[in-house]
């Protein structure tokens, strides 16, 4: 029993690591994008944006800035963006982007990049 528990934990952690390592681009359609390296290097105060979450474009009606803070609407609910999750680098795509992380405790924002609101 003492040996099987550590082996089970190793197996579980290996499966979890493999799931995190999978890219969102399984068919390679974005591999030659001129912005691929830029997206791969995006970081917020919470760390790399693309390391643990997949980014999505956010429509202008689904994000706002109020009193110097951002919030986004995801799955019909407004979520406050932590200040440390804001990407301060200039936005090369123009549209707002968010990298949410869903867990059993709810949704958090890994990274948020405001758009130009055009």
N, C-alpha and C. Protein backbone atom coordinates (compact mmCIF):
# COMPACT_ATOMS: atom_id res chain seq x y z
N UNK A 1 0.82 -1.19 0.00
CA UNK A 1 0.00 0.00 0.00
C UNK A 1 0.87 1.25 0.00
N UNK A 2 1.99 1.20 0.73
CA UNK A 2 2.86 2.38 0.80
C UNK A 2 3.48 2.71 -0.54
N UNK A 3 3.74 1.73 -1.37
CA UNK A 3 4.34 1.96 -2.68
C UNK A 3 3.30 2.42 -3.69
N UNK A 4 2.10 1.89 -3.62
CA UNK A 4 1.08 2.21 -4.62
C UNK A 4 0.59 3.64 -4.51
N UNK A 5 0.54 4.20 -3.31
CA UNK A 5 0.09 5.58 -3.16
C UNK A 5 1.03 6.56 -3.87
N UNK A 6 2.35 6.51 -3.64
CA UNK A 6 3.24 7.43 -4.37
C UNK A 6 3.21 7.20 -5.88
N UNK A 7 3.12 5.94 -6.31
CA UNK A 7 3.05 5.67 -7.75
C UNK A 7 1.77 6.22 -8.34
N UNK A 8 0.67 6.12 -7.60
CA UNK A 8 -0.59 6.68 -8.06
C UNK A 8 -0.52 8.19 -8.19
N UNK A 9 0.13 8.84 -7.23
CA UNK A 9 0.29 10.31 -7.28
C UNK A 9 1.14 10.72 -8.47
N UNK A 10 2.22 9.97 -8.73
CA UNK A 10 3.08 10.27 -9.88
C UNK A 10 2.29 10.15 -11.18
N UNK A 11 1.49 9.09 -11.29
CA UNK A 11 0.68 8.90 -12.49
C UNK A 11 -0.33 10.03 -12.65
N UNK A 12 -0.98 10.41 -11.57
CA UNK A 12 -1.97 11.49 -11.62
C UNK A 12 -1.32 12.82 -12.03
N UNK A 13 -0.18 13.12 -11.43
CA UNK A 13 0.51 14.36 -11.78
C UNK A 13 1.01 14.34 -13.22
N UNK A 14 1.43 13.20 -13.72
CA UNK A 14 1.88 13.10 -15.11
C UNK A 14 0.74 13.39 -16.08
N UNK A 15 -0.43 12.85 -15.79
CA UNK A 15 -1.60 13.10 -16.65
C UNK A 15 -1.98 14.58 -16.61
N UNK A 16 -1.97 15.18 -15.41
CA UNK A 16 -2.31 16.60 -15.28
C UNK A 16 -1.31 17.47 -16.03
N UNK A 17 -0.03 17.15 -15.94
CA UNK A 17 1.00 17.94 -16.64
C UNK A 17 0.83 17.82 -18.15
N UNK A 18 0.48 16.64 -18.63
CA UNK A 18 0.28 16.46 -20.07
C UNK A 18 -0.90 17.28 -20.55
N UNK A 19 -1.96 17.36 -19.76
CA UNK A 19 -3.12 18.16 -20.13
C UNK A 19 -2.77 19.64 -20.21
N UNK A 20 -1.97 20.14 -19.26
CA UNK A 20 -1.58 21.55 -19.26
C UNK A 20 -0.66 21.87 -20.42
N UNK A 21 0.13 20.89 -20.85
CA UNK A 21 1.12 21.13 -21.90
C UNK A 21 0.50 21.17 -23.29
N UNK A 22 -0.73 20.66 -23.45
CA UNK A 22 -1.36 20.67 -24.75
C UNK A 22 -1.65 22.09 -25.20
N UNK A 23 -1.37 22.37 -26.45
CA UNK A 23 -1.62 23.70 -27.01
C UNK A 23 -3.05 23.80 -27.51
N UNK A 24 -3.54 25.01 -27.62
CA UNK A 24 -4.89 25.22 -28.14
C UNK A 24 -4.92 25.10 -29.65
N UNK A 25 -3.79 25.01 -30.27
CA UNK A 25 -3.66 24.98 -31.72
C UNK A 25 -3.37 23.55 -32.20
N UNK A 26 -4.30 22.60 -31.97
CA UNK A 26 -4.00 21.20 -32.27
C UNK A 26 -3.77 20.92 -33.75
N UNK A 27 -4.37 21.71 -34.64
CA UNK A 27 -4.18 21.45 -36.06
C UNK A 27 -3.13 22.37 -36.70
N UNK A 28 -2.50 23.23 -35.92
CA UNK A 28 -1.40 24.06 -36.41
C UNK A 28 -1.80 25.25 -37.26
N UNK A 29 -3.05 25.64 -37.22
CA UNK A 29 -3.47 26.74 -38.11
C UNK A 29 -2.87 28.09 -37.73
N UNK A 30 -2.44 28.26 -36.46
CA UNK A 30 -1.84 29.53 -36.06
C UNK A 30 -0.32 29.48 -35.99
N UNK A 31 0.27 28.37 -36.36
CA UNK A 31 1.72 28.18 -36.25
C UNK A 31 2.50 29.20 -37.06
N UNK A 32 1.97 29.63 -38.19
CA UNK A 32 2.69 30.58 -39.05
C UNK A 32 2.18 32.00 -38.93
N UNK A 33 1.37 32.28 -37.93
CA UNK A 33 0.86 33.63 -37.72
C UNK A 33 2.02 34.57 -37.36
N UNK A 34 2.03 35.77 -37.93
CA UNK A 34 3.09 36.72 -37.57
C UNK A 34 3.00 37.17 -36.11
N UNK A 35 1.88 36.95 -35.45
CA UNK A 35 1.72 37.34 -34.05
C UNK A 35 1.94 36.18 -33.07
N UNK A 36 2.27 34.99 -33.56
CA UNK A 36 2.42 33.83 -32.68
C UNK A 36 3.46 34.06 -31.59
N UNK A 37 4.64 34.52 -31.93
CA UNK A 37 5.68 34.77 -30.92
C UNK A 37 5.24 35.83 -29.92
N UNK A 38 4.56 36.86 -30.42
CA UNK A 38 4.08 37.92 -29.54
C UNK A 38 3.08 37.35 -28.53
N UNK A 39 2.09 36.57 -29.02
CA UNK A 39 1.11 35.95 -28.12
C UNK A 39 1.80 35.03 -27.12
N UNK A 40 2.76 34.22 -27.59
CA UNK A 40 3.46 33.28 -26.71
C UNK A 40 4.23 34.00 -25.61
N UNK A 41 4.64 35.24 -25.86
CA UNK A 41 5.43 35.99 -24.88
C UNK A 41 4.63 36.92 -23.98
N UNK A 42 3.31 37.01 -24.18
CA UNK A 42 2.50 37.92 -23.35
C UNK A 42 2.51 37.49 -21.89
N UNK A 43 2.64 38.46 -20.99
CA UNK A 43 2.67 38.21 -19.56
C UNK A 43 1.88 39.29 -18.82
N UNK A 44 1.34 38.89 -17.71
CA UNK A 44 0.75 39.84 -16.77
C UNK A 44 1.51 39.67 -15.47
N UNK A 45 1.10 40.36 -14.44
CA UNK A 45 1.71 40.19 -13.14
C UNK A 45 1.46 38.81 -12.55
N UNK A 46 0.54 38.05 -13.16
CA UNK A 46 0.25 36.69 -12.71
C UNK A 46 1.08 35.65 -13.46
N UNK A 47 1.89 36.09 -14.43
CA UNK A 47 2.73 35.17 -15.18
C UNK A 47 2.36 35.15 -16.65
N UNK A 48 2.90 34.15 -17.38
CA UNK A 48 2.61 34.04 -18.82
C UNK A 48 1.12 33.84 -19.07
N UNK A 49 0.61 34.54 -20.06
CA UNK A 49 -0.83 34.44 -20.34
C UNK A 49 -1.21 33.09 -20.94
N UNK A 50 -0.43 32.59 -21.85
CA UNK A 50 -0.80 31.37 -22.56
C UNK A 50 -0.32 30.11 -21.87
N UNK A 51 0.22 30.20 -20.68
CA UNK A 51 0.75 29.00 -20.04
C UNK A 51 -0.35 28.13 -19.44
N UNK A 52 -1.36 28.71 -18.84
CA UNK A 52 -2.39 27.93 -18.15
C UNK A 52 -3.79 28.16 -18.69
N UNK A 53 -3.97 29.05 -19.60
CA UNK A 53 -5.32 29.37 -20.05
C UNK A 53 -5.30 29.74 -21.53
N UNK A 54 -6.44 29.58 -22.17
CA UNK A 54 -6.59 29.97 -23.57
C UNK A 54 -7.23 31.34 -23.65
N UNK A 55 -6.65 32.19 -24.48
CA UNK A 55 -7.19 33.53 -24.63
C UNK A 55 -8.36 33.58 -25.60
N UNK A 56 -9.22 34.55 -25.38
CA UNK A 56 -10.38 34.75 -26.25
C UNK A 56 -10.58 36.24 -26.45
N UNK A 57 -11.02 36.61 -27.65
CA UNK A 57 -11.39 38.00 -27.91
C UNK A 57 -12.67 38.31 -27.17
N UNK A 58 -12.78 39.56 -26.70
CA UNK A 58 -13.95 40.01 -25.96
C UNK A 58 -14.59 41.16 -26.74
N UNK A 59 -15.88 41.08 -26.98
CA UNK A 59 -16.60 42.16 -27.66
C UNK A 59 -16.57 43.42 -26.81
N UNK A 60 -16.64 44.57 -27.46
CA UNK A 60 -16.60 45.84 -26.73
C UNK A 60 -17.70 45.97 -25.68
N UNK A 61 -18.86 45.37 -25.92
CA UNK A 61 -19.95 45.46 -24.95
C UNK A 61 -19.73 44.56 -23.73
N UNK A 62 -18.71 43.68 -23.80
CA UNK A 62 -18.48 42.72 -22.73
C UNK A 62 -17.25 43.04 -21.87
N UNK A 63 -16.76 44.27 -21.95
CA UNK A 63 -15.72 44.70 -21.04
C UNK A 63 -15.83 46.20 -20.84
N UNK A 64 -15.35 46.66 -19.71
CA UNK A 64 -15.41 48.09 -19.43
C UNK A 64 -14.35 48.48 -18.42
N UNK A 65 -14.09 49.76 -18.39
CA UNK A 65 -13.15 50.33 -17.43
C UNK A 65 -13.92 51.33 -16.58
N UNK A 66 -13.77 51.21 -15.26
CA UNK A 66 -14.45 52.13 -14.36
C UNK A 66 -13.54 52.39 -13.17
N UNK A 67 -13.31 53.66 -12.89
CA UNK A 67 -12.46 54.07 -11.77
C UNK A 67 -11.07 53.44 -11.83
N UNK A 68 -10.54 53.31 -13.04
CA UNK A 68 -9.19 52.78 -13.21
C UNK A 68 -9.07 51.27 -13.12
N UNK A 69 -10.19 50.55 -13.10
CA UNK A 69 -10.17 49.09 -13.03
C UNK A 69 -11.02 48.53 -14.16
N UNK A 70 -10.71 47.30 -14.56
CA UNK A 70 -11.45 46.65 -15.64
C UNK A 70 -12.35 45.56 -15.08
N UNK A 71 -13.38 45.24 -15.88
CA UNK A 71 -14.19 44.07 -15.62
C UNK A 71 -14.65 43.53 -16.97
N UNK A 72 -14.89 42.23 -17.02
CA UNK A 72 -15.32 41.58 -18.25
C UNK A 72 -16.54 40.72 -17.96
N UNK A 73 -17.36 40.54 -19.00
CA UNK A 73 -18.53 39.68 -18.87
C UNK A 73 -18.20 38.35 -19.53
N UNK A 74 -18.20 37.29 -18.71
CA UNK A 74 -17.94 35.93 -19.19
C UNK A 74 -19.07 35.03 -18.74
N UNK A 75 -19.59 34.26 -19.65
CA UNK A 75 -20.71 33.35 -19.34
C UNK A 75 -21.86 34.09 -18.67
N UNK A 76 -22.09 35.34 -19.09
CA UNK A 76 -23.22 36.12 -18.59
C UNK A 76 -22.99 36.83 -17.26
N UNK A 77 -21.82 36.68 -16.66
CA UNK A 77 -21.55 37.31 -15.36
C UNK A 77 -20.37 38.27 -15.47
N UNK A 78 -20.48 39.41 -14.80
CA UNK A 78 -19.38 40.38 -14.78
C UNK A 78 -18.34 39.94 -13.75
N UNK A 79 -17.09 39.93 -14.17
CA UNK A 79 -15.98 39.53 -13.31
C UNK A 79 -14.97 40.67 -13.25
N UNK A 80 -14.60 41.08 -12.05
CA UNK A 80 -13.58 42.10 -11.88
C UNK A 80 -12.23 41.53 -12.27
N UNK A 81 -11.47 42.30 -13.05
CA UNK A 81 -10.14 41.89 -13.46
C UNK A 81 -9.15 42.36 -12.40
N UNK A 82 -8.40 41.44 -11.80
CA UNK A 82 -7.38 41.88 -10.83
C UNK A 82 -6.35 42.78 -11.51
N UNK A 83 -5.91 43.81 -10.83
CA UNK A 83 -4.95 44.73 -11.42
C UNK A 83 -3.70 44.01 -11.93
N UNK A 84 -3.27 42.97 -11.20
CA UNK A 84 -2.05 42.27 -11.61
C UNK A 84 -2.27 41.39 -12.84
N UNK A 85 -3.52 41.20 -13.29
CA UNK A 85 -3.81 40.41 -14.48
C UNK A 85 -3.81 41.24 -15.76
N UNK A 86 -3.71 42.57 -15.64
CA UNK A 86 -3.76 43.43 -16.82
C UNK A 86 -2.42 43.41 -17.54
N UNK A 87 -2.47 43.13 -18.83
CA UNK A 87 -1.28 43.15 -19.68
C UNK A 87 -1.03 44.61 -20.05
N UNK A 88 0.16 45.11 -19.75
CA UNK A 88 0.46 46.52 -19.98
C UNK A 88 1.13 46.76 -21.32
N UNK A 89 1.47 45.72 -22.02
CA UNK A 89 2.09 45.84 -23.34
C UNK A 89 1.06 46.35 -24.35
N UNK A 90 1.49 47.12 -25.36
CA UNK A 90 0.53 47.59 -26.38
C UNK A 90 -0.17 46.41 -27.07
N UNK A 91 -1.45 46.59 -27.32
CA UNK A 91 -2.29 45.55 -27.93
C UNK A 91 -2.11 45.57 -29.44
N UNK A 92 -1.52 44.52 -30.00
CA UNK A 92 -1.28 44.44 -31.45
C UNK A 92 -2.48 43.96 -32.23
N UNK A 93 -3.47 43.37 -31.57
CA UNK A 93 -4.64 42.87 -32.29
C UNK A 93 -5.80 43.84 -32.26
N UNK A 94 -5.77 44.82 -31.36
CA UNK A 94 -6.82 45.83 -31.30
C UNK A 94 -8.01 45.46 -30.44
N UNK A 95 -8.45 44.22 -30.50
CA UNK A 95 -9.61 43.77 -29.71
C UNK A 95 -9.17 43.40 -28.31
N UNK A 96 -10.06 43.57 -27.36
CA UNK A 96 -9.77 43.15 -25.99
C UNK A 96 -9.64 41.63 -25.96
N UNK A 97 -8.74 41.15 -25.12
CA UNK A 97 -8.50 39.71 -24.97
C UNK A 97 -8.53 39.36 -23.49
N UNK A 98 -9.03 38.17 -23.18
CA UNK A 98 -9.05 37.70 -21.80
C UNK A 98 -8.61 36.24 -21.78
N UNK A 99 -7.87 35.90 -20.72
CA UNK A 99 -7.42 34.53 -20.49
C UNK A 99 -8.02 34.08 -19.16
N UNK A 100 -9.23 33.49 -19.20
CA UNK A 100 -9.86 33.04 -17.95
C UNK A 100 -9.39 31.64 -17.57
N UNK A 101 -9.44 31.38 -16.29
CA UNK A 101 -9.16 30.04 -15.78
C UNK A 101 -10.39 29.60 -15.00
N UNK A 102 -11.00 28.50 -15.45
CA UNK A 102 -12.18 27.96 -14.77
C UNK A 102 -11.73 26.84 -13.85
N UNK A 103 -12.25 26.85 -12.64
CA UNK A 103 -11.94 25.79 -11.69
C UNK A 103 -13.19 25.49 -10.87
N UNK A 104 -13.08 24.53 -9.99
CA UNK A 104 -14.22 24.18 -9.15
C UNK A 104 -14.60 25.32 -8.20
N UNK A 105 -13.69 26.28 -8.00
CA UNK A 105 -13.96 27.43 -7.13
C UNK A 105 -14.53 28.62 -7.89
N UNK A 106 -14.72 28.48 -9.19
CA UNK A 106 -15.24 29.58 -9.99
C UNK A 106 -14.27 29.97 -11.09
N UNK A 107 -14.40 31.18 -11.57
CA UNK A 107 -13.57 31.65 -12.67
C UNK A 107 -12.68 32.79 -12.18
N UNK A 108 -11.42 32.74 -12.60
CA UNK A 108 -10.48 33.82 -12.32
C UNK A 108 -9.89 34.28 -13.65
N UNK A 109 -9.29 35.44 -13.63
CA UNK A 109 -8.69 36.00 -14.84
C UNK A 109 -7.17 35.90 -14.70
N UNK A 110 -6.54 35.18 -15.62
CA UNK A 110 -5.08 35.06 -15.64
C UNK A 110 -4.46 36.31 -16.26
N UNK A 111 -5.04 36.72 -17.40
CA UNK A 111 -4.56 37.91 -18.11
C UNK A 111 -5.74 38.62 -18.76
N UNK A 112 -5.61 39.93 -18.89
CA UNK A 112 -6.59 40.73 -19.60
C UNK A 112 -5.85 41.83 -20.33
N UNK A 113 -6.17 41.99 -21.63
CA UNK A 113 -5.56 43.03 -22.44
C UNK A 113 -6.68 43.89 -23.01
N UNK A 114 -6.76 45.16 -22.55
CA UNK A 114 -7.83 46.01 -23.05
C UNK A 114 -7.72 46.25 -24.55
N UNK A 115 -8.85 46.49 -25.17
CA UNK A 115 -8.89 46.76 -26.60
C UNK A 115 -9.02 48.25 -26.86
N UNK A 116 -9.21 48.58 -28.13
CA UNK A 116 -9.29 49.98 -28.53
C UNK A 116 -10.70 50.52 -28.49
N UNK A 117 -11.70 49.65 -28.26
CA UNK A 117 -13.12 50.03 -28.21
C UNK A 117 -13.57 50.78 -29.46
N UNK A 118 -13.30 50.18 -30.62
CA UNK A 118 -13.73 50.79 -31.88
C UNK A 118 -14.87 50.03 -32.48
